[in-house]
ModelCIF file with pLDDT and N, C-alpha, C, O atoms, coordinates in Angstrom:
data_MODEL
#
_entry.id   MODEL 
#
_entity.id                         1 
_entity.type                       polymer 
_entity.pdbx_number_of_molecules   1 
#
_entity_poly.entity_id                      1 
_entity_poly.type                           'polypeptide(L)' 
_entity_poly.nstd_linkage                   no 
_entity_poly.nstd_monomer                   no 
_entity_poly.pdbx_seq_one_letter_code       VFDVASQLKDNQKVTKENTKVLLREAARKVIPNEAYKKKKLGFPVPLR 
_entity_poly.pdbx_seq_one_letter_code_can   VFDVASQLKDNQKVTKENTKVLLREAARKVIPNEAYKKKKLGFPVPLR 
_entity_poly.pdbx_strand_id                 A 
#
loop_
_entity_poly_seq.entity_id 
_entity_poly_seq.num 
_entity_poly_seq.mon_id 
_entity_poly_seq.hetero 
1 1  VAL n 
1 2  PHE n 
1 3  ASP n 
1 4  VAL n 
1 5  ALA n 
1 6  SER n 
1 7  GLN n 
1 8  LEU n 
1 9  LYS n 
1 10 ASP n 
1 11 ASN n 
1 12 GLN n 
1 13 LYS n 
1 14 VAL n 
1 15 THR n 
1 16 LYS n 
1 17 GLU n 
1 18 ASN n 
1 19 THR n 
1 20 LYS n 
1 21 VAL n 
1 22 LEU n 
1 23 LEU n 
1 24 ARG n 
1 25 GLU n 
1 26 ALA n 
1 27 ALA n 
1 28 ARG n 
1 29 LYS n 
1 30 VAL n 
1 31 ILE n 
1 32 PRO n 
1 33 ASN n 
1 34 GLU n 
1 35 ALA n 
1 36 TYR n 
1 37 LYS n 
1 38 LYS n 
1 39 LYS n 
1 40 LYS n 
1 41 LEU n 
1 42 GLY n 
1 43 PHE n 
1 44 PRO n 
1 45 VAL n 
1 46 PRO n 
1 47 LEU n 
1 48 ARG n 
#
_struct_asym.id          A 
_struct_asym.entity_id   1 
#
loop_
_ma_qa_metric.id 
_ma_qa_metric.mode 
_ma_qa_metric.name 
_ma_qa_metric.software_group_id 
_ma_qa_metric.type 
1 global pLDDT . pLDDT 
2 local  pLDDT . pLDDT 
#
_ma_qa_metric_global.metric_id      1 
_ma_qa_metric_global.metric_value   86.31 
_ma_qa_metric_global.model_id       1 
_ma_qa_metric_global.ordinal_id     1 
#
loop_
_ma_qa_metric_local.label_asym_id 
_ma_qa_metric_local.label_comp_id 
_ma_qa_metric_local.label_seq_id 
_ma_qa_metric_local.metric_id 
_ma_qa_metric_local.metric_value 
_ma_qa_metric_local.model_id 
_ma_qa_metric_local.ordinal_id 
A VAL 1  2 98.00 1 1  
A PHE 2  2 98.00 1 2  
A ASP 3  2 97.00 1 3  
A VAL 4  2 97.00 1 4  
A ALA 5  2 97.00 1 5  
A SER 6  2 96.00 1 6  
A GLN 7  2 96.00 1 7  
A LEU 8  2 96.00 1 8  
A LYS 9  2 93.00 1 9  
A ASP 10 2 92.00 1 10 
A ASN 11 2 92.00 1 11 
A GLN 12 2 95.00 1 12 
A LYS 13 2 95.00 1 13 
A VAL 14 2 94.00 1 14 
A THR 15 2 92.00 1 15 
A LYS 16 2 87.00 1 16 
A GLU 17 2 87.00 1 17 
A ASN 18 2 90.00 1 18 
A THR 19 2 94.00 1 19 
A LYS 20 2 96.00 1 20 
A VAL 21 2 96.00 1 21 
A LEU 22 2 97.00 1 22 
A LEU 23 2 97.00 1 23 
A ARG 24 2 96.00 1 24 
A GLU 25 2 96.00 1 25 
A ALA 26 2 97.00 1 26 
A ALA 27 2 96.00 1 27 
A ARG 28 2 94.00 1 28 
A LYS 29 2 94.00 1 29 
A VAL 30 2 95.00 1 30 
A ILE 31 2 94.00 1 31 
A PRO 32 2 92.00 1 32 
A ASN 33 2 83.00 1 33 
A GLU 34 2 75.00 1 34 
A ALA 35 2 69.00 1 35 
A TYR 36 2 68.00 1 36 
A LYS 37 2 67.00 1 37 
A LYS 38 2 67.00 1 38 
A LYS 39 2 67.00 1 39 
A LYS 40 2 59.00 1 40 
A LEU 41 2 57.00 1 41 
A GLY 42 2 52.00 1 42 
A PHE 43 2 52.00 1 43 
A PRO 44 2 62.00 1 44 
A VAL 45 2 76.00 1 45 
A PRO 46 2 84.00 1 46 
A LEU 47 2 89.00 1 47 
A ARG 48 2 90.00 1 48 
#
loop_
_atom_site.group_PDB 
_atom_site.id 
_atom_site.type_symbol 
_atom_site.label_atom_id 
_atom_site.label_alt_id 
_atom_site.label_comp_id 
_atom_site.label_asym_id 
_atom_site.label_entity_id 
_atom_site.label_seq_id 
_atom_site.pdbx_PDB_ins_code 
_atom_site.Cartn_x 
_atom_site.Cartn_y 
_atom_site.Cartn_z 
_atom_site.occupancy 
_atom_site.B_iso_or_equiv 
_atom_site.pdbx_formal_charge 
_atom_site.auth_seq_id 
_atom_site.auth_comp_id 
_atom_site.auth_asym_id 
_atom_site.auth_atom_id 
_atom_site.pdbx_PDB_model_num 
ATOM 1   N N  . VAL A 1 1  ? -7.633  -11.563 8.228   1.00 98.00 ? 1  VAL A N  1 
ATOM 2   C CA . VAL A 1 1  ? -6.901  -10.486 7.882   1.00 98.00 ? 1  VAL A CA 1 
ATOM 3   C C  . VAL A 1 1  ? -6.858  -11.474 5.869   1.00 98.00 ? 1  VAL A C  1 
ATOM 4   O O  . VAL A 1 1  ? -7.170  -10.575 5.089   1.00 98.00 ? 1  VAL A O  1 
ATOM 5   N N  . PHE A 1 2  ? -6.768  -11.942 5.579   1.00 98.00 ? 2  PHE A N  1 
ATOM 6   C CA . PHE A 1 2  ? -6.414  -12.606 4.680   1.00 98.00 ? 2  PHE A CA 1 
ATOM 7   C C  . PHE A 1 2  ? -7.672  -12.299 3.511   1.00 98.00 ? 2  PHE A C  1 
ATOM 8   O O  . PHE A 1 2  ? -7.752  -11.736 2.419   1.00 98.00 ? 2  PHE A O  1 
ATOM 9   N N  . ASP A 1 3  ? -9.193  -13.516 5.074   1.00 97.00 ? 3  ASP A N  1 
ATOM 10  C CA . ASP A 1 3  ? -10.370 -13.637 4.140   1.00 97.00 ? 3  ASP A CA 1 
ATOM 11  C C  . ASP A 1 3  ? -10.510 -12.143 3.473   1.00 97.00 ? 3  ASP A C  1 
ATOM 12  O O  . ASP A 1 3  ? -10.775 -11.937 2.289   1.00 97.00 ? 3  ASP A O  1 
ATOM 13  N N  . VAL A 1 4  ? -10.239 -10.978 4.639   1.00 97.00 ? 4  VAL A N  1 
ATOM 14  C CA . VAL A 1 4  ? -10.671 -9.529  3.531   1.00 97.00 ? 4  VAL A CA 1 
ATOM 15  C C  . VAL A 1 4  ? -9.681  -10.084 2.296   1.00 97.00 ? 4  VAL A C  1 
ATOM 16  O O  . VAL A 1 4  ? -10.254 -10.687 1.389   1.00 97.00 ? 4  VAL A O  1 
ATOM 17  N N  . ALA A 1 5  ? -8.327  -9.926  2.216   1.00 97.00 ? 5  ALA A N  1 
ATOM 18  C CA . ALA A 1 5  ? -7.203  -9.077  1.386   1.00 97.00 ? 5  ALA A CA 1 
ATOM 19  C C  . ALA A 1 5  ? -7.362  -10.451 -0.043  1.00 97.00 ? 5  ALA A C  1 
ATOM 20  O O  . ALA A 1 5  ? -6.648  -10.661 -1.023  1.00 97.00 ? 5  ALA A O  1 
ATOM 21  N N  . SER A 1 6  ? -8.463  -11.053 0.394   1.00 96.00 ? 6  SER A N  1 
ATOM 22  C CA . SER A 1 6  ? -8.839  -12.510 -0.983  1.00 96.00 ? 6  SER A CA 1 
ATOM 23  C C  . SER A 1 6  ? -9.654  -11.916 -1.418  1.00 96.00 ? 6  SER A C  1 
ATOM 24  O O  . SER A 1 6  ? -9.745  -12.225 -2.606  1.00 96.00 ? 6  SER A O  1 
ATOM 25  N N  . GLN A 1 7  ? -10.758 -10.780 -1.006  1.00 96.00 ? 7  GLN A N  1 
ATOM 26  C CA . GLN A 1 7  ? -11.820 -10.429 -2.135  1.00 96.00 ? 7  GLN A CA 1 
ATOM 27  C C  . GLN A 1 7  ? -11.455 -9.910  -2.649  1.00 96.00 ? 7  GLN A C  1 
ATOM 28  O O  . GLN A 1 7  ? -12.315 -9.858  -3.529  1.00 96.00 ? 7  GLN A O  1 
ATOM 29  N N  . LEU A 1 8  ? -10.297 -8.967  -3.124  1.00 96.00 ? 8  LEU A N  1 
ATOM 30  C CA . LEU A 1 8  ? -9.744  -7.218  -3.561  1.00 96.00 ? 8  LEU A CA 1 
ATOM 31  C C  . LEU A 1 8  ? -9.817  -7.977  -4.891  1.00 96.00 ? 8  LEU A C  1 
ATOM 32  O O  . LEU A 1 8  ? -9.397  -9.112  -5.116  1.00 96.00 ? 8  LEU A O  1 
ATOM 33  N N  . LYS A 1 9  ? -10.445 -7.111  -5.744  1.00 93.00 ? 9  LYS A N  1 
ATOM 34  C CA . LYS A 1 9  ? -9.657  -7.272  -6.767  1.00 93.00 ? 9  LYS A CA 1 
ATOM 35  C C  . LYS A 1 9  ? -9.071  -6.858  -7.527  1.00 93.00 ? 9  LYS A C  1 
ATOM 36  O O  . LYS A 1 9  ? -9.032  -5.632  -7.414  1.00 93.00 ? 9  LYS A O  1 
ATOM 37  N N  . ASP A 1 10 ? -8.162  -7.465  -8.878  1.00 92.00 ? 10 ASP A N  1 
ATOM 38  C CA . ASP A 1 10 ? -7.002  -6.271  -9.342  1.00 92.00 ? 10 ASP A CA 1 
ATOM 39  C C  . ASP A 1 10 ? -6.979  -5.644  -9.052  1.00 92.00 ? 10 ASP A C  1 
ATOM 40  O O  . ASP A 1 10 ? -6.223  -5.636  -8.081  1.00 92.00 ? 10 ASP A O  1 
ATOM 41  N N  . ASN A 1 11 ? -7.579  -4.429  -9.319  1.00 92.00 ? 11 ASN A N  1 
ATOM 42  C CA . ASN A 1 11 ? -7.343  -2.655  -9.661  1.00 92.00 ? 11 ASN A CA 1 
ATOM 43  C C  . ASN A 1 11 ? -8.123  -1.803  -8.338  1.00 92.00 ? 11 ASN A C  1 
ATOM 44  O O  . ASN A 1 11 ? -8.391  -0.603  -8.273  1.00 92.00 ? 11 ASN A O  1 
ATOM 45  N N  . GLN A 1 12 ? -8.339  -2.746  -7.465  1.00 95.00 ? 12 GLN A N  1 
ATOM 46  C CA . GLN A 1 12 ? -8.012  -2.452  -5.670  1.00 95.00 ? 12 GLN A CA 1 
ATOM 47  C C  . GLN A 1 12 ? -6.736  -2.289  -4.792  1.00 95.00 ? 12 GLN A C  1 
ATOM 48  O O  . GLN A 1 12 ? -6.331  -1.552  -3.894  1.00 95.00 ? 12 GLN A O  1 
ATOM 49  N N  . LYS A 1 13 ? -6.099  -3.901  -5.885  1.00 95.00 ? 13 LYS A N  1 
ATOM 50  C CA . LYS A 1 13 ? -4.888  -3.801  -4.865  1.00 95.00 ? 13 LYS A CA 1 
ATOM 51  C C  . LYS A 1 13 ? -3.318  -2.987  -5.734  1.00 95.00 ? 13 LYS A C  1 
ATOM 52  O O  . LYS A 1 13 ? -2.273  -2.590  -5.219  1.00 95.00 ? 13 LYS A O  1 
ATOM 53  N N  . VAL A 1 14 ? -3.817  -2.991  -7.373  1.00 94.00 ? 14 VAL A N  1 
ATOM 54  C CA . VAL A 1 14 ? -2.247  -2.388  -8.285  1.00 94.00 ? 14 VAL A CA 1 
ATOM 55  C C  . VAL A 1 14 ? -3.073  -1.734  -9.120  1.00 94.00 ? 14 VAL A C  1 
ATOM 56  O O  . VAL A 1 14 ? -4.129  -2.196  -9.553  1.00 94.00 ? 14 VAL A O  1 
ATOM 57  N N  . THR A 1 15 ? -2.464  -0.289  -9.449  1.00 92.00 ? 15 THR A N  1 
ATOM 58  C CA . THR A 1 15 ? -2.934  0.218   -10.537 1.00 92.00 ? 15 THR A CA 1 
ATOM 59  C C  . THR A 1 15 ? -1.724  0.251   -12.005 1.00 92.00 ? 15 THR A C  1 
ATOM 60  O O  . THR A 1 15 ? -0.845  -0.600  -12.144 1.00 92.00 ? 15 THR A O  1 
ATOM 61  N N  . LYS A 1 16 ? -1.956  1.426   -12.978 1.00 87.00 ? 16 LYS A N  1 
ATOM 62  C CA . LYS A 1 16 ? -0.961  1.836   -13.346 1.00 87.00 ? 16 LYS A CA 1 
ATOM 63  C C  . LYS A 1 16 ? 0.201   2.583   -12.697 1.00 87.00 ? 16 LYS A C  1 
ATOM 64  O O  . LYS A 1 16 ? 1.387   2.333   -12.908 1.00 87.00 ? 16 LYS A O  1 
ATOM 65  N N  . GLU A 1 17 ? -0.394  3.768   -11.678 1.00 87.00 ? 17 GLU A N  1 
ATOM 66  C CA . GLU A 1 17 ? 0.012   4.473   -10.683 1.00 87.00 ? 17 GLU A CA 1 
ATOM 67  C C  . GLU A 1 17 ? 0.431   3.750   -9.657  1.00 87.00 ? 17 GLU A C  1 
ATOM 68  O O  . GLU A 1 17 ? 1.613   4.042   -9.475  1.00 87.00 ? 17 GLU A O  1 
ATOM 69  N N  . ASN A 1 18 ? 0.023   2.842   -8.781  1.00 90.00 ? 18 ASN A N  1 
ATOM 70  C CA . ASN A 1 18 ? 0.381   2.393   -7.450  1.00 90.00 ? 18 ASN A CA 1 
ATOM 71  C C  . ASN A 1 18 ? 0.055   1.183   -7.445  1.00 90.00 ? 18 ASN A C  1 
ATOM 72  O O  . ASN A 1 18 ? -0.558  0.495   -8.261  1.00 90.00 ? 18 ASN A O  1 
ATOM 73  N N  . THR A 1 19 ? 0.854   0.805   -5.722  1.00 94.00 ? 19 THR A N  1 
ATOM 74  C CA . THR A 1 19 ? 0.268   -0.277  -5.340  1.00 94.00 ? 19 THR A CA 1 
ATOM 75  C C  . THR A 1 19 ? 0.308   -0.727  -4.013  1.00 94.00 ? 19 THR A C  1 
ATOM 76  O O  . THR A 1 19 ? 1.203   -0.440  -3.218  1.00 94.00 ? 19 THR A O  1 
ATOM 77  N N  . LYS A 1 20 ? -0.992  -1.673  -3.696  1.00 96.00 ? 20 LYS A N  1 
ATOM 78  C CA . LYS A 1 20 ? -1.599  -1.604  -2.244  1.00 96.00 ? 20 LYS A CA 1 
ATOM 79  C C  . LYS A 1 20 ? -2.784  -0.697  -2.226  1.00 96.00 ? 20 LYS A C  1 
ATOM 80  O O  . LYS A 1 20 ? -3.365  -0.701  -1.141  1.00 96.00 ? 20 LYS A O  1 
ATOM 81  N N  . VAL A 1 21 ? -3.198  -0.068  -2.967  1.00 96.00 ? 21 VAL A N  1 
ATOM 82  C CA . VAL A 1 21 ? -3.927  0.579   -3.649  1.00 96.00 ? 21 VAL A CA 1 
ATOM 83  C C  . VAL A 1 21 ? -5.066  1.177   -2.075  1.00 96.00 ? 21 VAL A C  1 
ATOM 84  O O  . VAL A 1 21 ? -4.983  2.207   -1.405  1.00 96.00 ? 21 VAL A O  1 
ATOM 85  N N  . LEU A 1 22 ? -6.184  -0.186  -1.957  1.00 97.00 ? 22 LEU A N  1 
ATOM 86  C CA . LEU A 1 22 ? -7.810  0.007   -0.872  1.00 97.00 ? 22 LEU A CA 1 
ATOM 87  C C  . LEU A 1 22 ? -6.691  0.179   0.364   1.00 97.00 ? 22 LEU A C  1 
ATOM 88  O O  . LEU A 1 22 ? -7.325  0.649   1.309   1.00 97.00 ? 22 LEU A O  1 
ATOM 89  N N  . LEU A 1 23 ? -5.236  -0.014  0.765   1.00 97.00 ? 23 LEU A N  1 
ATOM 90  C CA . LEU A 1 23 ? -5.122  -0.573  1.930   1.00 97.00 ? 23 LEU A CA 1 
ATOM 91  C C  . LEU A 1 23 ? -4.326  0.922   2.264   1.00 97.00 ? 23 LEU A C  1 
ATOM 92  O O  . LEU A 1 23 ? -3.883  1.417   3.300   1.00 97.00 ? 23 LEU A O  1 
ATOM 93  N N  . ARG A 1 24 ? -4.363  1.209   1.343   1.00 96.00 ? 24 ARG A N  1 
ATOM 94  C CA . ARG A 1 24 ? -3.576  2.900   1.669   1.00 96.00 ? 24 ARG A CA 1 
ATOM 95  C C  . ARG A 1 24 ? -5.133  4.036   1.497   1.00 96.00 ? 24 ARG A C  1 
ATOM 96  O O  . ARG A 1 24 ? -5.321  5.239   1.675   1.00 96.00 ? 24 ARG A O  1 
ATOM 97  N N  . GLU A 1 25 ? -5.805  3.137   1.163   1.00 96.00 ? 25 GLU A N  1 
ATOM 98  C CA . GLU A 1 25 ? -7.184  4.406   1.749   1.00 96.00 ? 25 GLU A CA 1 
ATOM 99  C C  . GLU A 1 25 ? -7.235  4.223   2.848   1.00 96.00 ? 25 GLU A C  1 
ATOM 100 O O  . GLU A 1 25 ? -6.892  5.094   3.648   1.00 96.00 ? 25 GLU A O  1 
ATOM 101 N N  . ALA A 1 26 ? -7.798  2.716   3.323   1.00 97.00 ? 26 ALA A N  1 
ATOM 102 C CA . ALA A 1 26 ? -8.212  2.348   4.664   1.00 97.00 ? 26 ALA A CA 1 
ATOM 103 C C  . ALA A 1 26 ? -7.160  3.445   5.383   1.00 97.00 ? 26 ALA A C  1 
ATOM 104 O O  . ALA A 1 26 ? -7.558  4.465   5.947   1.00 97.00 ? 26 ALA A O  1 
ATOM 105 N N  . ALA A 1 27 ? -5.546  3.003   5.247   1.00 96.00 ? 27 ALA A N  1 
ATOM 106 C CA . ALA A 1 27 ? -4.425  3.377   6.442   1.00 96.00 ? 27 ALA A CA 1 
ATOM 107 C C  . ALA A 1 27 ? -4.754  5.049   6.678   1.00 96.00 ? 27 ALA A C  1 
ATOM 108 O O  . ALA A 1 27 ? -4.480  5.742   7.657   1.00 96.00 ? 27 ALA A O  1 
ATOM 109 N N  . ARG A 1 28 ? -5.346  5.371   5.588   1.00 94.00 ? 28 ARG A N  1 
ATOM 110 C CA . ARG A 1 28 ? -5.455  7.216   5.562   1.00 94.00 ? 28 ARG A CA 1 
ATOM 111 C C  . ARG A 1 28 ? -5.999  7.602   6.047   1.00 94.00 ? 28 ARG A C  1 
ATOM 112 O O  . ARG A 1 28 ? -5.701  8.797   6.056   1.00 94.00 ? 28 ARG A O  1 
ATOM 113 N N  . LYS A 1 29 ? -7.036  7.368   6.781   1.00 94.00 ? 29 LYS A N  1 
ATOM 114 C CA . LYS A 1 29 ? -7.956  7.539   8.015   1.00 94.00 ? 29 LYS A CA 1 
ATOM 115 C C  . LYS A 1 29 ? -7.642  8.198   9.276   1.00 94.00 ? 29 LYS A C  1 
ATOM 116 O O  . LYS A 1 29 ? -8.111  9.150   9.899   1.00 94.00 ? 29 LYS A O  1 
ATOM 117 N N  . VAL A 1 30 ? -5.980  6.748   9.560   1.00 95.00 ? 30 VAL A N  1 
ATOM 118 C CA . VAL A 1 30 ? -5.553  6.759   10.601  1.00 95.00 ? 30 VAL A CA 1 
ATOM 119 C C  . VAL A 1 30 ? -4.261  7.918   10.398  1.00 95.00 ? 30 VAL A C  1 
ATOM 120 O O  . VAL A 1 30 ? -3.850  8.797   11.155  1.00 95.00 ? 30 VAL A O  1 
ATOM 121 N N  . ILE A 1 31 ? -3.895  7.554   9.224   1.00 94.00 ? 31 ILE A N  1 
ATOM 122 C CA . ILE A 1 31 ? -1.960  7.461   9.853   1.00 94.00 ? 31 ILE A CA 1 
ATOM 123 C C  . ILE A 1 31 ? -2.225  9.558   9.387   1.00 94.00 ? 31 ILE A C  1 
ATOM 124 O O  . ILE A 1 31 ? -2.947  10.101  8.551   1.00 94.00 ? 31 ILE A O  1 
ATOM 125 N N  . PRO A 1 32 ? -1.369  10.057  10.286  1.00 92.00 ? 32 PRO A N  1 
ATOM 126 C CA . PRO A 1 32 ? -1.622  11.612  10.427  1.00 92.00 ? 32 PRO A CA 1 
ATOM 127 C C  . PRO A 1 32 ? -0.771  12.328  9.396   1.00 92.00 ? 32 PRO A C  1 
ATOM 128 O O  . PRO A 1 32 ? -0.763  13.529  9.126   1.00 92.00 ? 32 PRO A O  1 
ATOM 129 N N  . ASN A 1 33 ? 0.026   11.226  8.818   1.00 83.00 ? 33 ASN A N  1 
ATOM 130 C CA . ASN A 1 33 ? 1.438   12.143  7.739   1.00 83.00 ? 33 ASN A CA 1 
ATOM 131 C C  . ASN A 1 33 ? 0.984   11.831  6.247   1.00 83.00 ? 33 ASN A C  1 
ATOM 132 O O  . ASN A 1 33 ? -0.079  11.246  6.041   1.00 83.00 ? 33 ASN A O  1 
ATOM 133 N N  . GLU A 1 34 ? 1.634   12.148  5.440   1.00 75.00 ? 34 GLU A N  1 
ATOM 134 C CA . GLU A 1 34 ? 1.973   11.581  4.376   1.00 75.00 ? 34 GLU A CA 1 
ATOM 135 C C  . GLU A 1 34 ? 1.802   10.142  4.318   1.00 75.00 ? 34 GLU A C  1 
ATOM 136 O O  . GLU A 1 34 ? 1.459   9.756   3.200   1.00 75.00 ? 34 GLU A O  1 
ATOM 137 N N  . ALA A 1 35 ? 1.962   9.083   5.339   1.00 69.00 ? 35 ALA A N  1 
ATOM 138 C CA . ALA A 1 35 ? 3.370   7.641   4.387   1.00 69.00 ? 35 ALA A CA 1 
ATOM 139 C C  . ALA A 1 35 ? 2.671   6.956   3.960   1.00 69.00 ? 35 ALA A C  1 
ATOM 140 O O  . ALA A 1 35 ? 3.170   6.137   3.188   1.00 69.00 ? 35 ALA A O  1 
ATOM 141 N N  . TYR A 1 36 ? 1.100   6.873   4.199   1.00 68.00 ? 36 TYR A N  1 
ATOM 142 C CA . TYR A 1 36 ? 0.354   5.586   3.583   1.00 68.00 ? 36 TYR A CA 1 
ATOM 143 C C  . TYR A 1 36 ? -0.068  6.014   2.135   1.00 68.00 ? 36 TYR A C  1 
ATOM 144 O O  . TYR A 1 36 ? -1.102  5.502   1.705   1.00 68.00 ? 36 TYR A O  1 
ATOM 145 N N  . LYS A 1 37 ? 0.724   7.039   1.201   1.00 67.00 ? 37 LYS A N  1 
ATOM 146 C CA . LYS A 1 37 ? 1.425   7.771   0.038   1.00 67.00 ? 37 LYS A CA 1 
ATOM 147 C C  . LYS A 1 37 ? 1.904   6.696   -1.087  1.00 67.00 ? 37 LYS A C  1 
ATOM 148 O O  . LYS A 1 37 ? 1.501   6.197   -2.137  1.00 67.00 ? 37 LYS A O  1 
ATOM 149 N N  . LYS A 1 38 ? 3.688   6.632   0.328   1.00 67.00 ? 38 LYS A N  1 
ATOM 150 C CA . LYS A 1 38 ? 5.360   6.861   -0.155  1.00 67.00 ? 38 LYS A CA 1 
ATOM 151 C C  . LYS A 1 38 ? 5.025   5.030   -0.347  1.00 67.00 ? 38 LYS A C  1 
ATOM 152 O O  . LYS A 1 38 ? 4.730   3.968   0.202   1.00 67.00 ? 38 LYS A O  1 
ATOM 153 N N  . LYS A 1 39 ? 5.470   5.990   -2.019  1.00 67.00 ? 39 LYS A N  1 
ATOM 154 C CA . LYS A 1 39 ? 6.748   3.914   -2.031  1.00 67.00 ? 39 LYS A CA 1 
ATOM 155 C C  . LYS A 1 39 ? 7.495   2.791   -1.251  1.00 67.00 ? 39 LYS A C  1 
ATOM 156 O O  . LYS A 1 39 ? 7.427   3.028   -0.045  1.00 67.00 ? 39 LYS A O  1 
ATOM 157 N N  . LYS A 1 40 ? 7.915   2.097   -1.419  1.00 59.00 ? 40 LYS A N  1 
ATOM 158 C CA . LYS A 1 40 ? 7.773   1.004   -0.529  1.00 59.00 ? 40 LYS A CA 1 
ATOM 159 C C  . LYS A 1 40 ? 9.932   1.385   -1.075  1.00 59.00 ? 40 LYS A C  1 
ATOM 160 O O  . LYS A 1 40 ? 10.530  1.640   -2.120  1.00 59.00 ? 40 LYS A O  1 
ATOM 161 N N  . LEU A 1 41 ? 10.315  1.186   0.419   1.00 57.00 ? 41 LEU A N  1 
ATOM 162 C CA . LEU A 1 41 ? 11.482  1.205   0.161   1.00 57.00 ? 41 LEU A CA 1 
ATOM 163 C C  . LEU A 1 41 ? 12.050  -0.080  0.853   1.00 57.00 ? 41 LEU A C  1 
ATOM 164 O O  . LEU A 1 41 ? 13.087  -0.560  0.397   1.00 57.00 ? 41 LEU A O  1 
ATOM 165 N N  . GLY A 1 42 ? 11.382  -0.718  2.020   1.00 52.00 ? 42 GLY A N  1 
ATOM 166 C CA . GLY A 1 42 ? 11.064  -2.139  2.005   1.00 52.00 ? 42 GLY A CA 1 
ATOM 167 C C  . GLY A 1 42 ? 13.459  -2.724  2.955   1.00 52.00 ? 42 GLY A C  1 
ATOM 168 O O  . GLY A 1 42 ? 14.310  -3.448  2.437   1.00 52.00 ? 42 GLY A O  1 
ATOM 169 N N  . PHE A 1 43 ? 13.513  -2.032  4.144   1.00 52.00 ? 43 PHE A N  1 
ATOM 170 C CA . PHE A 1 43 ? 14.814  -1.185  4.870   1.00 52.00 ? 43 PHE A CA 1 
ATOM 171 C C  . PHE A 1 43 ? 15.759  -1.938  3.394   1.00 52.00 ? 43 PHE A C  1 
ATOM 172 O O  . PHE A 1 43 ? 15.855  -3.059  2.893   1.00 52.00 ? 43 PHE A O  1 
ATOM 173 N N  . PRO A 1 44 ? 16.536  -0.034  3.029   1.00 62.00 ? 44 PRO A N  1 
ATOM 174 C CA . PRO A 1 44 ? 17.094  -0.409  1.752   1.00 62.00 ? 44 PRO A CA 1 
ATOM 175 C C  . PRO A 1 44 ? 18.557  -0.613  2.446   1.00 62.00 ? 44 PRO A C  1 
ATOM 176 O O  . PRO A 1 44 ? 18.454  -0.578  3.672   1.00 62.00 ? 44 PRO A O  1 
ATOM 177 N N  . VAL A 1 45 ? 19.921  -0.821  1.977   1.00 76.00 ? 45 VAL A N  1 
ATOM 178 C CA . VAL A 1 45 ? 21.124  -0.054  2.085   1.00 76.00 ? 45 VAL A CA 1 
ATOM 179 C C  . VAL A 1 45 ? 21.731  -0.723  0.614   1.00 76.00 ? 45 VAL A C  1 
ATOM 180 O O  . VAL A 1 45 ? 21.358  -1.434  -0.319  1.00 76.00 ? 45 VAL A O  1 
ATOM 181 N N  . PRO A 1 46 ? 22.842  -0.032  1.058   1.00 84.00 ? 46 PRO A N  1 
ATOM 182 C CA . PRO A 1 46 ? 23.388  0.596   0.104   1.00 84.00 ? 46 PRO A CA 1 
ATOM 183 C C  . PRO A 1 46 ? 25.041  -0.378  -0.808  1.00 84.00 ? 46 PRO A C  1 
ATOM 184 O O  . PRO A 1 46 ? 26.044  -0.062  -1.446  1.00 84.00 ? 46 PRO A O  1 
ATOM 185 N N  . LEU A 1 47 ? 24.554  -1.283  -0.427  1.00 89.00 ? 47 LEU A N  1 
ATOM 186 C CA . LEU A 1 47 ? 25.083  -2.897  -1.168  1.00 89.00 ? 47 LEU A CA 1 
ATOM 187 C C  . LEU A 1 47 ? 26.057  -2.537  -2.126  1.00 89.00 ? 47 LEU A C  1 
ATOM 188 O O  . LEU A 1 47 ? 27.215  -2.917  -2.302  1.00 89.00 ? 47 LEU A O  1 
ATOM 189 N N  . ARG A 1 48 ? 24.921  -1.256  -3.039  1.00 90.00 ? 48 ARG A N  1 
ATOM 190 C CA . ARG A 1 48 ? 26.260  -1.956  -4.358  1.00 90.00 ? 48 ARG A CA 1 
ATOM 191 C C  . ARG A 1 48 ? 26.854  -0.396  -4.262  1.00 90.00 ? 48 ARG A C  1 
ATOM 192 O O  . ARG A 1 48 ? 27.838  -0.068  -4.925  1.00 90.00 ? 48 ARG A O  1 
#
């Protein structure tokens, strides 16, 4: 997987509007809802 990911150009990874740009497009093919474009939360916790 890294061998493929290591070939990505910067703007195929991040843009001003989004992250994981082309991964989201690949995921869009199989994810049946709109999770492919949801922003990252990463196990959020209300510690603050």
